[in-house]
Each structure stands twice: as structure tokens, then as C-alpha cells.
């Protein structure tokens, strides 16, 4: 089953859900979603206010990002999430190696 991933997934999901229901008759994501902001908060231990894209550390910032373009936003969000996943996998493998 596909999982919806977004940088503020609760906000974006409502629009995606509406479009899928109107134009496809169903939402292939169902109610599944991963919120990148919440994922980062849990991974880093930061506060919610520090999860905005402008406050993310430089290693998560996408290269050559043009804000407020739907395709560029999606690509940037995917890049951020891929970097977070890679970092969390490194942390998990390091903790497994230590035990």
C-alpha cells in the first residue's frame, strides 16, 4: 500500500484526498501518511517550532531549491525525507553494532 509523505502531511493530505476522491473515486493512500516535520522532530529531539524548513540544519537543506513551485516543493520534500531516512538508518545500524 502506498504511503503519503509530506512536509506538513496533515495540511497537504486534505487537498490530495479531495482530488483523489473527486477525480479517481478513491484515495490510494487511504489515511496513511508520514509527516516529515514530525519525523524530524522525533529523530532530532527538536521542538516543533524548529521543524520549519527554514530552521532545518544545512545537511537537510535541498540544493538549488526554488520555493513555491509545486514540483520543486515535492522534489525538495522527497530529498529532505530521503536524507532523514538515511540518517536514521545509520543511527539504527550503529546502535545495533554497539549491542
PDB file of N, CA and C in Angstrom:
ATOM      1  N   UNK A   1       0.840  -1.176   0.000  1.00  0.00           N
ATOM      2  CA  UNK A   1       0.000   0.000   0.000  1.00  0.00           C
ATOM      3  C   UNK A   1       0.889   1.243   0.000  1.00  0.00           C
ATOM      4  N   UNK A   2       0.595   2.207  -0.854  1.00  0.00           N
ATOM      5  CA  UNK A   2       1.393   3.437  -0.863  1.00  0.00           C
ATOM      6  C   UNK A   2       1.162   4.252   0.403  1.00  0.00           C
ATOM      7  N   UNK A   3       2.175   4.996   0.791  1.00  0.00           N
ATOM      8  CA  UNK A   3       2.087   5.846   1.967  1.00  0.00           C
ATOM      9  C   UNK A   3       2.358   7.282   1.532  1.00  0.00           C
ATOM     10  N   UNK A   4       1.488   8.183   1.916  1.00  0.00           N
ATOM     11  CA  UNK A   4       1.641   9.596   1.605  1.00  0.00           C
ATOM     12  C   UNK A   4       2.703  10.189   2.522  1.00  0.00           C
ATOM     13  N   UNK A   5       3.684  10.879   1.949  1.00  0.00           N
ATOM     14  CA  UNK A   5       4.744  11.532   2.721  1.00  0.00           C
ATOM     15  C   UNK A   5       4.729  13.004   2.364  1.00  0.00           C
ATOM     16  N   UNK A   6       4.733  13.864   3.372  1.00  0.00           N
ATOM     17  CA  UNK A   6       4.735  15.290   3.097  1.00  0.00           C
ATOM     18  C   UNK A   6       5.345  16.088   4.222  1.00  0.00           C
ATOM     19  N   UNK A   7       5.827  17.259   3.865  1.00  0.00           N
ATOM     20  CA  UNK A   7       6.400  18.169   4.853  1.00  0.00           C
ATOM     21  C   UNK A   7       5.254  19.041   5.352  1.00  0.00           C
ATOM     22  N   UNK A   8       4.573  18.545   6.277  1.00  0.00           N
ATOM     23  CA  UNK A   8       3.315  19.029   6.843  1.00  0.00           C
ATOM     24  C   UNK A   8       2.190  18.227   6.205  1.00  0.00           C
ATOM     25  N   UNK A   9       2.309  16.930   6.327  1.00  0.00           N
ATOM     26  CA  UNK A   9       1.377  15.990   5.711  1.00  0.00           C
ATOM     27  C   UNK A   9      -0.081  16.239   6.083  1.00  0.00           C
ATOM     28  N   UNK A  10      -0.423  16.590   7.329  1.00  0.00           N
ATOM     29  CA  UNK A  10      -1.838  16.815   7.631  1.00  0.00           C
ATOM     30  C   UNK A  10      -2.451  17.921   6.771  1.00  0.00           C
ATOM     31  N   UNK A  11      -1.681  18.957   6.476  1.00  0.00           N
ATOM     32  CA  UNK A  11      -2.185  20.053   5.655  1.00  0.00           C
ATOM     33  C   UNK A  11      -2.342  19.602   4.204  1.00  0.00           C
ATOM     34  N   UNK A  12      -1.290  19.005   3.634  1.00  0.00           N
ATOM     35  CA  UNK A  12      -1.331  18.604   2.232  1.00  0.00           C
ATOM     36  C   UNK A  12      -2.291  17.454   1.975  1.00  0.00           C
ATOM     37  N   UNK A  13      -2.403  16.527   2.934  1.00  0.00           N
ATOM     38  CA  UNK A  13      -3.225  15.338   2.731  1.00  0.00           C
ATOM     39  C   UNK A  13      -4.678  15.696   2.435  1.00  0.00           C
ATOM     40  N   UNK A  14      -5.206  16.720   3.100  1.00  0.00           N
ATOM     41  CA  UNK A  14      -6.616  17.057   2.893  1.00  0.00           C
ATOM     42  C   UNK A  14      -6.891  17.427   1.440  1.00  0.00           C
ATOM     43  N   UNK A  15      -5.966  18.129   0.797  1.00  0.00           N
ATOM     44  CA  UNK A  15      -6.142  18.501  -0.603  1.00  0.00           C
ATOM     45  C   UNK A  15      -5.961  17.303  -1.523  1.00  0.00           C
ATOM     46  N   UNK A  16      -4.931  16.517  -1.256  1.00  0.00           N
ATOM     47  CA  UNK A  16      -4.670  15.315  -2.054  1.00  0.00           C
ATOM     48  C   UNK A  16      -5.856  14.360  -1.956  1.00  0.00           C
ATOM     49  N   UNK A  17      -6.375  14.189  -0.746  1.00  0.00           N
ATOM     50  CA  UNK A  17      -7.524  13.308  -0.531  1.00  0.00           C
ATOM     51  C   UNK A  17      -8.721  13.772  -1.346  1.00  0.00           C
ATOM     52  N   UNK A  18      -8.997  15.066  -1.316  1.00  0.00           N
ATOM     53  CA  UNK A  18     -10.131  15.612  -2.060  1.00  0.00           C
ATOM     54  C   UNK A  18      -9.955  15.365  -3.560  1.00  0.00           C
ATOM     55  N   UNK A  19      -8.787  15.685  -4.095  1.00  0.00           N
ATOM     56  CA  UNK A  19      -8.549  15.497  -5.530  1.00  0.00           C
ATOM     57  C   UNK A  19      -8.684  14.039  -5.936  1.00  0.00           C
ATOM     58  N   UNK A  20      -8.109  13.130  -5.164  1.00  0.00           N
ATOM     59  CA  UNK A  20      -8.237  11.712  -5.496  1.00  0.00           C
ATOM     60  C   UNK A  20      -9.692  11.273  -5.490  1.00  0.00           C
ATOM     61  N   UNK A  21     -10.444  11.688  -4.487  1.00  0.00           N
ATOM     62  CA  UNK A  21     -11.854  11.279  -4.430  1.00  0.00           C
ATOM     63  C   UNK A  21     -12.671  11.873  -5.572  1.00  0.00           C
ATOM     64  N   UNK A  22     -12.406  13.115  -5.910  1.00  0.00           N
ATOM     65  CA  UNK A  22     -13.154  13.765  -6.995  1.00  0.00           C
ATOM     66  C   UNK A  22     -12.791  13.172  -8.354  1.00  0.00           C
ATOM     67  N   UNK A  23     -11.505  12.966  -8.618  1.00  0.00           N
ATOM     68  CA  UNK A  23     -11.065  12.580  -9.953  1.00  0.00           C
ATOM     69  C   UNK A  23     -10.781  11.091 -10.127  1.00  0.00           C
ATOM     70  N   UNK A  24     -10.587  10.376  -9.042  1.00  0.00           N
ATOM     71  CA  UNK A  24     -10.313   8.940  -9.140  1.00  0.00           C
ATOM     72  C   UNK A  24     -11.394   8.110  -8.463  1.00  0.00           C
ATOM     73  N   UNK A  25     -12.121   8.721  -7.540  1.00  0.00           N
ATOM     74  CA  UNK A  25     -13.165   7.999  -6.820  1.00  0.00           C
ATOM     75  C   UNK A  25     -12.679   7.347  -5.542  1.00  0.00           C
ATOM     76  N   UNK A  26     -11.387   7.401  -5.307  1.00  0.00           N
ATOM     77  CA  UNK A  26     -10.810   6.817  -4.088  1.00  0.00           C
ATOM     78  C   UNK A  26      -9.421   7.404  -3.879  1.00  0.00           C
ATOM     79  N   UNK A  27      -8.960   7.344  -2.645  1.00  0.00           N
ATOM     80  CA  UNK A  27      -7.622   7.808  -2.324  1.00  0.00           C
ATOM     81  C   UNK A  27      -6.735   6.585  -2.132  1.00  0.00           C
ATOM     82  N   UNK A  28      -5.770   6.346  -3.037  1.00  0.00           N
ATOM     83  CA  UNK A  28      -4.931   5.152  -2.905  1.00  0.00           C
ATOM     84  C   UNK A  28      -4.066   5.159  -1.647  1.00  0.00           C
ATOM     85  N   UNK A  29      -3.893   6.322  -1.026  1.00  0.00           N
ATOM     86  CA  UNK A  29      -3.131   6.398   0.209  1.00  0.00           C
ATOM     87  C   UNK A  29      -3.975   6.053   1.428  1.00  0.00           C
ATOM     88  N   UNK A  30      -5.289   6.066   1.281  1.00  0.00           N
ATOM     89  CA  UNK A  30      -6.148   5.855   2.435  1.00  0.00           C
ATOM     90  C   UNK A  30      -5.871   6.942   3.456  1.00  0.00           C
ATOM     91  N   UNK A  31      -5.729   6.549   4.697  1.00  0.00           N
ATOM     92  CA  UNK A  31      -5.423   7.527   5.737  1.00  0.00           C
ATOM     93  C   UNK A  31      -3.964   7.410   6.202  1.00  0.00           C
ATOM     94  N   UNK A  32      -3.139   6.705   5.421  1.00  0.00           N
ATOM     95  CA  UNK A  32      -1.731   6.531   5.766  1.00  0.00           C
ATOM     96  C   UNK A  32      -0.924   7.748   5.362  1.00  0.00           C
ATOM     97  N   UNK A  33      -0.117   8.250   6.274  1.00  0.00           N
ATOM     98  CA  UNK A  33       0.747   9.384   5.959  1.00  0.00           C
ATOM     99  C   UNK A  33       1.931   9.420   6.923  1.00  0.00           C
ATOM    100  N   UNK A  34       3.049   9.920   6.414  1.00  0.00           N
ATOM    101  CA  UNK A  34       4.207  10.201   7.255  1.00  0.00           C
ATOM    102  C   UNK A  34       4.455  11.696   7.150  1.00  0.00           C
ATOM    103  N   UNK A  35       4.461  12.355   8.281  1.00  0.00           N
ATOM    104  CA  UNK A  35       4.729  13.778   8.307  1.00  0.00           C
ATOM    105  C   UNK A  35       6.222  13.987   8.528  1.00  0.00           C
ATOM    106  N   UNK A  36       6.895  14.613   7.554  1.00  0.00           N
ATOM    107  CA  UNK A  36       8.340  14.802   7.621  1.00  0.00           C
ATOM    108  C   UNK A  36       8.729  15.694   8.801  1.00  0.00           C
ATOM    109  N   UNK A  37       7.933  16.713   9.087  1.00  0.00           N
ATOM    110  CA  UNK A  37       8.228  17.593  10.224  1.00  0.00           C
ATOM    111  C   UNK A  37       8.217  16.803  11.536  1.00  0.00           C
ATOM    112  N   UNK A  38       7.208  15.971  11.729  1.00  0.00           N
ATOM    113  CA  UNK A  38       7.113  15.171  12.947  1.00  0.00           C
ATOM    114  C   UNK A  38       8.226  14.116  12.996  1.00  0.00           C
ATOM    115  N   UNK A  39       8.549  13.543  11.838  1.00  0.00           N
ATOM    116  CA  UNK A  39       9.633  12.564  11.758  1.00  0.00           C
ATOM    117  C   UNK A  39      10.944  13.212  12.184  1.00  0.00           C
ATOM    118  N   UNK A  40      11.208  14.410  11.665  1.00  0.00           N
ATOM    119  CA  UNK A  40      12.435  15.131  12.029  1.00  0.00           C
ATOM    120  C   UNK A  40      12.434  15.460  13.519  1.00  0.00           C
ATOM    121  N   UNK A  41      11.309  15.882  14.045  1.00  0.00           N
ATOM    122  CA  UNK A  41      11.216  16.224  15.464  1.00  0.00           C
ATOM    123  C   UNK A  41      11.575  15.008  16.326  1.00  0.00           C
ATOM    124  N   UNK A  42      11.039  13.863  15.982  1.00  0.00           N
ATOM    125  CA  UNK A  42      11.349  12.650  16.725  1.00  0.00           C
ATOM    126  C   UNK A  42      12.789  12.217  16.561  1.00  0.00           C
ATOM    127  N   UNK A  43      13.312  12.345  15.361  1.00  0.00           N
ATOM    128  CA  UNK A  43      14.692  11.942  15.085  1.00  0.00           C
ATOM    129  C   UNK A  43      15.693  12.842  15.805  1.00  0.00           C
ATOM    130  N   UNK A  44      15.456  14.139  15.754  1.00  0.00           N
ATOM    131  CA  UNK A  44      16.445  15.100  16.258  1.00  0.00           C
ATOM    132  C   UNK A  44      16.230  15.501  17.708  1.00  0.00           C
ATOM    133  N   UNK A  45      15.011  15.302  18.215  1.00  0.00           N
ATOM    134  CA  UNK A  45      14.704  15.773  19.555  1.00  0.00           C
ATOM    135  C   UNK A  45      14.434  17.266  19.603  1.00  0.00           C
ATOM    136  N   UNK A  46      14.227  17.876  18.439  1.00  0.00           N
ATOM    137  CA  UNK A  46      13.986  19.321  18.394  1.00  0.00           C
ATOM    138  C   UNK A  46      12.565  19.642  18.854  1.00  0.00           C
ATOM    139  N   UNK A  47      12.308  20.917  19.016  1.00  0.00           N
ATOM    140  CA  UNK A  47      10.954  21.365  19.328  1.00  0.00           C
ATOM    141  C   UNK A  47      10.189  21.567  18.030  1.00  0.00           C
ATOM    142  N   UNK A  48       8.871  21.630  18.128  1.00  0.00           N
ATOM    143  CA  UNK A  48       8.038  21.775  16.939  1.00  0.00           C
ATOM    144  C   UNK A  48       8.375  23.045  16.162  1.00  0.00           C
ATOM    145  N   UNK A  49       8.623  24.133  16.859  1.00  0.00           N
ATOM    146  CA  UNK A  49       8.918  25.398  16.190  1.00  0.00           C
ATOM    147  C   UNK A  49      10.195  25.303  15.346  1.00  0.00           C
ATOM    148  N   UNK A  50      11.082  24.411  15.695  1.00  0.00           N
ATOM    149  CA  UNK A  50      12.333  24.243  14.942  1.00  0.00           C
ATOM    150  C   UNK A  50      12.230  23.223  13.815  1.00  0.00           C
ATOM    151  N   UNK A  51      11.030  22.817  13.471  1.00  0.00           N
ATOM    152  CA  UNK A  51      10.862  21.877  12.362  1.00  0.00           C
ATOM    153  C   UNK A  51      10.489  22.576  11.056  1.00  0.00           C
ATOM    154  N   UNK A  52      10.375  23.888  11.069  1.00  0.00           N
ATOM    155  CA  UNK A  52      10.062  24.579   9.811  1.00  0.00           C
ATOM    156  C   UNK A  52      11.246  24.428   8.859  1.00  0.00           C
ATOM    157  N   UNK A  53      10.974  24.450   7.580  1.00  0.00           N
ATOM    158  CA  UNK A  53      12.029  24.191   6.592  1.00  0.00           C
ATOM    159  C   UNK A  53      13.183  25.179   6.703  1.00  0.00           C
ATOM    160  N   UNK A  54      12.892  26.411   7.087  1.00  0.00           N
ATOM    161  CA  UNK A  54      13.963  27.407   7.203  1.00  0.00           C
ATOM    162  C   UNK A  54      14.868  27.161   8.403  1.00  0.00           C
ATOM    163  N   UNK A  55      14.430  26.351   9.338  1.00  0.00           N
ATOM    164  CA  UNK A  55      15.234  26.084  10.544  1.00  0.00           C
ATOM    165  C   UNK A  55      15.909  24.718  10.527  1.00  0.00           C
ATOM    166  N   UNK A  56      15.708  23.952   9.468  1.00  0.00           N
ATOM    167  CA  UNK A  56      16.367  22.649   9.389  1.00  0.00           C
ATOM    168  C   UNK A  56      17.869  22.843   9.237  1.00  0.00           C
ATOM    169  N   UNK A  57      18.657  21.904   9.752  1.00  0.00           N
ATOM    170  CA  UNK A  57      20.111  22.032   9.609  1.00  0.00           C
ATOM    171  C   UNK A  57      20.531  21.969   8.136  1.00  0.00           C
ATOM    172  N   UNK A  58      21.701  22.477   7.851  1.00  0.00           N
ATOM    173  CA  UNK A  58      22.168  22.577   6.465  1.00  0.00           C
ATOM    174  C   UNK A  58      22.260  21.219   5.772  1.00  0.00           C
ATOM    175  N   UNK A  59      22.574  20.150   6.510  1.00  0.00           N
ATOM    176  CA  UNK A  59      22.699  18.842   5.868  1.00  0.00           C
ATOM    177  C   UNK A  59      21.369  18.315   5.337  1.00  0.00           C
ATOM    178  N   UNK A  60      20.262  18.910   5.778  1.00  0.00           N
ATOM    179  CA  UNK A  60      18.951  18.520   5.263  1.00  0.00           C
ATOM    180  C   UNK A  60      18.434  19.449   4.170  1.00  0.00           C
ATOM    181  N   UNK A  61      19.034  20.597   4.033  1.00  0.00           N
ATOM    182  CA  UNK A  61      18.544  21.580   3.065  1.00  0.00           C
ATOM    183  C   UNK A  61      18.794  21.099   1.638  1.00  0.00           C
ATOM    184  N   UNK A  62      17.757  21.127   0.797  1.00  0.00           N
ATOM    185  CA  UNK A  62      17.917  20.723  -0.608  1.00  0.00           C
ATOM    186  C   UNK A  62      18.775  21.730  -1.383  1.00  0.00           C
ATOM    187  N   UNK A  63      19.491  21.227  -2.347  1.00  0.00           N
ATOM    188  CA  UNK A  63      20.315  22.093  -3.204  1.00  0.00           C
ATOM    189  C   UNK A  63      19.430  22.751  -4.264  1.00  0.00           C
ATOM    190  N   UNK A  64      19.705  23.997  -4.562  1.00  0.00           N
ATOM    191  CA  UNK A  64      19.015  24.727  -5.643  1.00  0.00           C
ATOM    192  C   UNK A  64      17.495  24.650  -5.555  1.00  0.00           C
ATOM    193  N   UNK A  65      16.975  24.866  -4.377  1.00  0.00           N
ATOM    194  CA  UNK A  65      15.536  24.773  -4.154  1.00  0.00           C
ATOM    195  C   UNK A  65      14.841  26.095  -4.481  1.00  0.00           C
ATOM    196  N   UNK A  66      13.839  26.029  -5.362  1.00  0.00           N
ATOM    197  CA  UNK A  66      13.029  27.196  -5.711  1.00  0.00           C
ATOM    198  C   UNK A  66      11.686  27.058  -5.017  1.00  0.00           C
ATOM    199  N   UNK A  67      11.442  27.878  -4.014  1.00  0.00           N
ATOM    200  CA  UNK A  67      10.227  27.747  -3.210  1.00  0.00           C
ATOM    201  C   UNK A  67       8.976  28.117  -3.983  1.00  0.00           C
ATOM    202  N   UNK A  68       7.884  27.531  -3.560  1.00  0.00           N
ATOM    203  CA  UNK A  68       6.531  27.821  -4.038  1.00  0.00           C
ATOM    204  C   UNK A  68       6.293  27.430  -5.488  1.00  0.00           C
ATOM    205  N   UNK A  69       6.907  26.349  -5.888  1.00  0.00           N
ATOM    206  CA  UNK A  69       6.637  25.711  -7.161  1.00  0.00           C
ATOM    207  C   UNK A  69       6.283  24.278  -6.795  1.00  0.00           C
ATOM    208  N   UNK A  70       5.115  23.819  -7.177  1.00  0.00           N
ATOM    209  CA  UNK A  70       4.613  22.529  -6.699  1.00  0.00           C
ATOM    210  C   UNK A  70       5.586  21.382  -6.958  1.00  0.00           C
ATOM    211  N   UNK A  71       6.131  21.297  -8.149  1.00  0.00           N
ATOM    212  CA  UNK A  71       7.055  20.210  -8.450  1.00  0.00           C
ATOM    213  C   UNK A  71       8.348  20.355  -7.658  1.00  0.00           C
ATOM    214  N   UNK A  72       8.893  21.575  -7.599  1.00  0.00           N
ATOM    215  CA  UNK A  72      10.118  21.811  -6.830  1.00  0.00           C
ATOM    216  C   UNK A  72       9.896  21.517  -5.348  1.00  0.00           C
ATOM    217  N   UNK A  73       8.732  21.894  -4.815  1.00  0.00           N
ATOM    218  CA  UNK A  73       8.412  21.603  -3.418  1.00  0.00           C
ATOM    219  C   UNK A  73       8.407  20.097  -3.170  1.00  0.00           C
ATOM    220  N   UNK A  74       7.783  19.345  -4.068  1.00  0.00           N
ATOM    221  CA  UNK A  74       7.707  17.893  -3.905  1.00  0.00           C
ATOM    222  C   UNK A  74       9.093  17.260  -3.969  1.00  0.00           C
ATOM    223  N   UNK A  75       9.901  17.719  -4.901  1.00  0.00           N
ATOM    224  CA  UNK A  75      11.265  17.186  -5.027  1.00  0.00           C
ATOM    225  C   UNK A  75      12.078  17.516  -3.776  1.00  0.00           C
ATOM    226  N   UNK A  76      11.960  18.746  -3.290  1.00  0.00           N
ATOM    227  CA  UNK A  76      12.691  19.156  -2.083  1.00  0.00           C
ATOM    228  C   UNK A  76      12.251  18.344  -0.872  1.00  0.00           C
ATOM    229  N   UNK A  77      10.946  18.127  -0.735  1.00  0.00           N
ATOM    230  CA  UNK A  77      10.441  17.341   0.395  1.00  0.00           C
ATOM    231  C   UNK A  77      10.944  15.907   0.328  1.00  0.00           C
ATOM    232  N   UNK A  78      10.983  15.340  -0.864  1.00  0.00           N
ATOM    233  CA  UNK A  78      11.499  13.975  -1.029  1.00  0.00           C
ATOM    234  C   UNK A  78      12.975  13.916  -0.676  1.00  0.00           C
ATOM    235  N   UNK A  79      13.723  14.936  -1.077  1.00  0.00           N
ATOM    236  CA  UNK A  79      15.152  14.995  -0.765  1.00  0.00           C
ATOM    237  C   UNK A  79      15.381  15.078   0.740  1.00  0.00           C
ATOM    238  N   UNK A  80      14.610  15.913   1.415  1.00  0.00           N
ATOM    239  CA  UNK A  80      14.724  16.031   2.870  1.00  0.00           C
ATOM    240  C   UNK A  80      14.401  14.694   3.531  1.00  0.00           C
ATOM    241  N   UNK A  81      13.310  14.064   3.113  1.00  0.00           N
ATOM    242  CA  UNK A  81      12.912  12.799   3.732  1.00  0.00           C
ATOM    243  C   UNK A  81      13.935  11.698   3.456  1.00  0.00           C
ATOM    244  N   UNK A  82      14.467  11.646   2.239  1.00  0.00           N
ATOM    245  CA  UNK A  82      15.491  10.641   1.930  1.00  0.00           C
ATOM    246  C   UNK A  82      16.718  10.818   2.815  1.00  0.00           C
ATOM    247  N   UNK A  83      17.114  12.061   3.048  1.00  0.00           N
ATOM    248  CA  UNK A  83      18.271  12.320   3.914  1.00  0.00           C
ATOM    249  C   UNK A  83      17.968  11.916   5.359  1.00  0.00           C
ATOM    250  N   UNK A  84      16.747  12.198   5.805  1.00  0.00           N
ATOM    251  CA  UNK A  84      16.361  11.787   7.165  1.00  0.00           C
ATOM    252  C   UNK A  84      16.341  10.273   7.306  1.00  0.00           C
ATOM    253  N   UNK A  85      15.799   9.594   6.303  1.00  0.00           N
ATOM    254  CA  UNK A  85      15.774   8.125   6.346  1.00  0.00           C
ATOM    255  C   UNK A  85      17.185   7.552   6.395  1.00  0.00           C
ATOM    256  N   UNK A  86      18.059   8.076   5.556  1.00  0.00           N
ATOM    257  CA  UNK A  86      19.439   7.592   5.547  1.00  0.00           C
ATOM    258  C   UNK A  86      20.108   7.822   6.894  1.00  0.00           C
ATOM    259  N   UNK A  87      19.895   8.992   7.481  1.00  0.00           N
ATOM    260  CA  UNK A  87      20.483   9.294   8.789  1.00  0.00           C
ATOM    261  C   UNK A  87      19.924   8.371   9.864  1.00  0.00           C
ATOM    262  N   UNK A  88      18.620   8.119   9.836  1.00  0.00           N
ATOM    263  CA  UNK A  88      18.030   7.251  10.855  1.00  0.00           C
ATOM    264  C   UNK A  88      18.496   5.803  10.684  1.00  0.00           C
ATOM    265  N   UNK A  89      18.710   5.375   9.442  1.00  0.00           N
ATOM    266  CA  UNK A  89      19.226   4.030   9.216  1.00  0.00           C
ATOM    267  C   UNK A  89      20.655   3.893   9.727  1.00  0.00           C
ATOM    268  N   UNK A  90      21.460   4.948   9.550  1.00  0.00           N
ATOM    269  CA  UNK A  90      22.832   4.928  10.093  1.00  0.00           C
ATOM    270  C   UNK A  90      22.806   4.837  11.618  1.00  0.00           C
ATOM    271  N   UNK A  91      21.946   5.638  12.224  1.00  0.00           N
ATOM    272  CA  UNK A  91      21.836   5.617  13.701  1.00  0.00           C
ATOM    273  C   UNK A  91      21.386   4.243  14.169  1.00  0.00           C
ATOM    274  N   UNK A  92      20.404   3.653  13.491  1.00  0.00           N
ATOM    275  CA  UNK A  92      19.923   2.322  13.877  1.00  0.00           C
ATOM    276  C   UNK A  92      21.005   1.262  13.712  1.00  0.00           C
ATOM    277  N   UNK A  93      21.744   1.306  12.619  1.00  0.00           N
ATOM    278  CA  UNK A  93      22.779   0.299  12.430  1.00  0.00           C
ATOM    279  C   UNK A  93      23.926   0.479  13.419  1.00  0.00           C
ATOM    280  N   UNK A  94      24.249   1.732  13.766  1.00  0.00           N
ATOM    281  CA  UNK A  94      25.278   1.976  14.772  1.00  0.00           C
ATOM    282  C   UNK A  94      24.856   1.459  16.140  1.00  0.00           C
ATOM    283  N   UNK A  95      23.586   1.632  16.484  1.00  0.00           N
ATOM    284  CA  UNK A  95      23.112   1.156  17.788  1.00  0.00           C
ATOM    285  C   UNK A  95      23.046  -0.367  17.817  1.00  0.00           C
ATOM    286  N   UNK A  96      22.761  -0.995  16.670  1.00  0.00           N
ATOM    287  CA  UNK A  96      22.774  -2.453  16.611  1.00  0.00           C
ATOM    288  C   UNK A  96      24.194  -2.990  16.722  1.00  0.00           C
ATOM    289  N   UNK A  97      25.151  -2.284  16.098  1.00  0.00           N
ATOM    290  CA  UNK A  97      26.552  -2.692  16.175  1.00  0.00           C
ATOM    291  C   UNK A  97      27.091  -2.576  17.585  1.00  0.00           C
ATOM    292  N   UNK A  98      26.616  -1.586  18.337  1.00  0.00           N
ATOM    293  CA  UNK A  98      27.100  -1.357  19.693  1.00  0.00           C
ATOM    294  C   UNK A  98      26.557  -2.387  20.687  1.00  0.00           C
ATOM    295  N   UNK A  99      25.456  -3.044  20.341  1.00  0.00           N
ATOM    296  CA  UNK A  99      24.871  -4.006  21.287  1.00  0.00           C
ATOM    297  C   UNK A  99      25.338  -5.413  21.072  1.00  0.00           C
TER     298      UNK A  99
END
